Amino acid sequence: MWLWMIAGIAIDLDHLFANPLYDPDRCSIGFHPLHLYEIMPLYVALCFFKKTRTLGIGLTIHMVLDMMDCVWMHSL
């Protein structure tokens, strides 16, 4: 199961396609292909199916943490 949770972190591989690769002021939510608002309901839906529940939880937690980072970054 922990491999599925780690796969939730592997979603950050889409950051490799950004130009520039690293921008400390960029919010990943809504910018990177796998961090789009349109895809997030799919991640939540994965939580409701037994075979994909752990992956869905990992992806959903990842998105929530990224959103918290964006809110914190823009509130400073």
C-alpha atoms as a PDB file:
ATOM      1  CA  MET A   1       0.000   0.000   0.000  1.00  0.00           C
ATOM      2  CA  TRP A   2       2.806   2.405   0.723  1.00  0.00           C
ATOM      3  CA  LEU A   3       3.881   2.126  -2.932  1.00  0.00           C
ATOM      4  CA  TRP A   4       0.473   3.501  -3.957  1.00  0.00           C
ATOM      5  CA  MET A   5       0.901   6.367  -1.521  1.00  0.00           C
ATOM      6  CA  ILE A   6       4.366   7.079  -2.934  1.00  0.00           C
ATOM      7  CA  ALA A   7       2.769   7.166  -6.390  1.00  0.00           C
ATOM      8  CA  GLY A   8       0.791  10.125  -5.073  1.00  0.00           C
ATOM      9  CA  ILE A   9       4.090  11.934  -4.706  1.00  0.00           C
ATOM     10  CA  ALA A  10       5.290  10.830  -8.167  1.00  0.00           C
ATOM     11  CA  ILE A  11       2.672  13.160  -9.614  1.00  0.00           C
ATOM     12  CA  ASP A  12       5.287  15.890  -9.201  1.00  0.00           C
ATOM     13  CA  LEU A  13       7.116  14.522 -12.233  1.00  0.00           C
ATOM     14  CA  ASP A  14       5.008  16.933 -14.271  1.00  0.00           C
ATOM     15  CA  HIS A  15       7.134  19.720 -12.790  1.00  0.00           C
ATOM     16  CA  LEU A  16       9.934  18.565 -15.108  1.00  0.00           C
ATOM     17  CA  PHE A  17       8.013  19.976 -18.084  1.00  0.00           C
ATOM     18  CA  ALA A  18       7.829  23.509 -16.654  1.00  0.00           C
ATOM     19  CA  ASN A  19       9.911  26.329 -18.008  1.00  0.00           C
ATOM     20  CA  PRO A  20      11.755  27.438 -15.944  1.00  0.00           C
ATOM     21  CA  LEU A  21      12.084  24.151 -14.125  1.00  0.00           C
ATOM     22  CA  TYR A  22      12.011  25.807 -10.701  1.00  0.00           C
ATOM     23  CA  ASP A  23      10.291  29.040  -9.816  1.00  0.00           C
ATOM     24  CA  PRO A  24       9.971  29.703  -6.070  1.00  0.00           C
ATOM     25  CA  ASP A  25       7.017  32.068  -6.628  1.00  0.00           C
ATOM     26  CA  ARG A  26       4.962  29.717  -8.800  1.00  0.00           C
ATOM     27  CA  CYS A  27       1.930  27.900  -7.464  1.00  0.00           C
ATOM     28  CA  SER A  28       1.782  24.376  -8.885  1.00  0.00           C
ATOM     29  CA  ILE A  29      -2.025  24.193  -8.620  1.00  0.00           C
ATOM     30  CA  GLY A  30      -3.519  25.159 -11.958  1.00  0.00           C
ATOM     31  CA  PHE A  31      -0.108  25.389 -13.642  1.00  0.00           C
ATOM     32  CA  HIS A  32       1.268  21.869 -14.052  1.00  0.00           C
ATOM     33  CA  PRO A  33      -0.689  19.341 -16.171  1.00  0.00           C
ATOM     34  CA  LEU A  34      -1.418  16.903 -13.330  1.00  0.00           C
ATOM     35  CA  HIS A  35      -2.241  19.717 -10.894  1.00  0.00           C
ATOM     36  CA  LEU A  36      -5.156  21.198 -12.836  1.00  0.00           C
ATOM     37  CA  TYR A  37      -8.462  21.909 -11.102  1.00  0.00           C
ATOM     38  CA  GLU A  38     -10.292  19.838 -13.729  1.00  0.00           C
ATOM     39  CA  ILE A  39      -8.405  16.659 -12.777  1.00  0.00           C
ATOM     40  CA  MET A  40      -8.808  16.939  -8.996  1.00  0.00           C
ATOM     41  CA  PRO A  41     -12.351  15.465  -8.909  1.00  0.00           C
ATOM     42  CA  LEU A  42     -10.881  12.336 -10.506  1.00  0.00           C
ATOM     43  CA  TYR A  43      -8.354  12.064  -7.664  1.00  0.00           C
ATOM     44  CA  VAL A  44     -11.162  12.354  -5.107  1.00  0.00           C
ATOM     45  CA  ALA A  45     -13.278   9.802  -7.025  1.00  0.00           C
ATOM     46  CA  LEU A  46     -10.407   7.291  -6.833  1.00  0.00           C
ATOM     47  CA  CYS A  47     -10.849   7.328  -3.042  1.00  0.00           C
ATOM     48  CA  PHE A  48     -14.250   5.653  -3.362  1.00  0.00           C
ATOM     49  CA  PHE A  49     -13.113   2.479  -5.162  1.00  0.00           C
ATOM     50  CA  LYS A  50     -11.389  -0.251  -3.190  1.00  0.00           C
ATOM     51  CA  LYS A  51      -8.673  -0.974  -5.779  1.00  0.00           C
ATOM     52  CA  THR A  52      -7.678   2.690  -6.192  1.00  0.00           C
ATOM     53  CA  ARG A  53      -8.484   4.036  -2.723  1.00  0.00           C
ATOM     54  CA  THR A  54      -4.894   4.294  -1.494  1.00  0.00           C
ATOM     55  CA  LEU A  55      -3.725   6.011  -4.676  1.00  0.00           C
ATOM     56  CA  GLY A  56      -6.698   8.384  -4.502  1.00  0.00           C
ATOM     57  CA  ILE A  57      -5.924   9.266  -0.904  1.00  0.00           C
ATOM     58  CA  GLY A  58      -2.283   9.912  -1.773  1.00  0.00           C
ATOM     59  CA  LEU A  59      -3.184  12.135  -4.723  1.00  0.00           C
ATOM     60  CA  THR A  60      -5.858  14.016  -2.789  1.00  0.00           C
ATOM     61  CA  ILE A  61      -3.525  14.650   0.155  1.00  0.00           C
ATOM     62  CA  HIS A  62      -0.881  15.840  -2.296  1.00  0.00           C
ATOM     63  CA  MET A  63      -3.282  18.333  -3.892  1.00  0.00           C
ATOM     64  CA  VAL A  64      -4.478  19.624  -0.510  1.00  0.00           C
ATOM     65  CA  LEU A  65      -0.885  20.168   0.631  1.00  0.00           C
ATOM     66  CA  ASP A  66      -0.026  21.946  -2.621  1.00  0.00           C
ATOM     67  CA  MET A  67      -3.086  24.176  -2.225  1.00  0.00           C
ATOM     68  CA  MET A  68      -2.079  25.004   1.344  1.00  0.00           C
ATOM     69  CA  ASP A  69       1.384  25.908   0.066  1.00  0.00           C
ATOM     70  CA  CYS A  70      -0.107  28.230  -2.557  1.00  0.00           C
ATOM     71  CA  VAL A  71      -2.342  29.941  -0.016  1.00  0.00           C
ATOM     72  CA  TRP A  72       0.537  30.363   2.412  1.00  0.00           C
ATOM     73  CA  MET A  73       2.897  31.604  -0.308  1.00  0.00           C
ATOM     74  CA  HIS A  74       0.433  34.262  -1.535  1.00  0.00           C
ATOM     75  CA  SER A  75      -0.531  35.420   1.955  1.00  0.00           C
ATOM     76  CA  LEU A  76       2.989  36.502   2.912  1.00  0.00           C
END
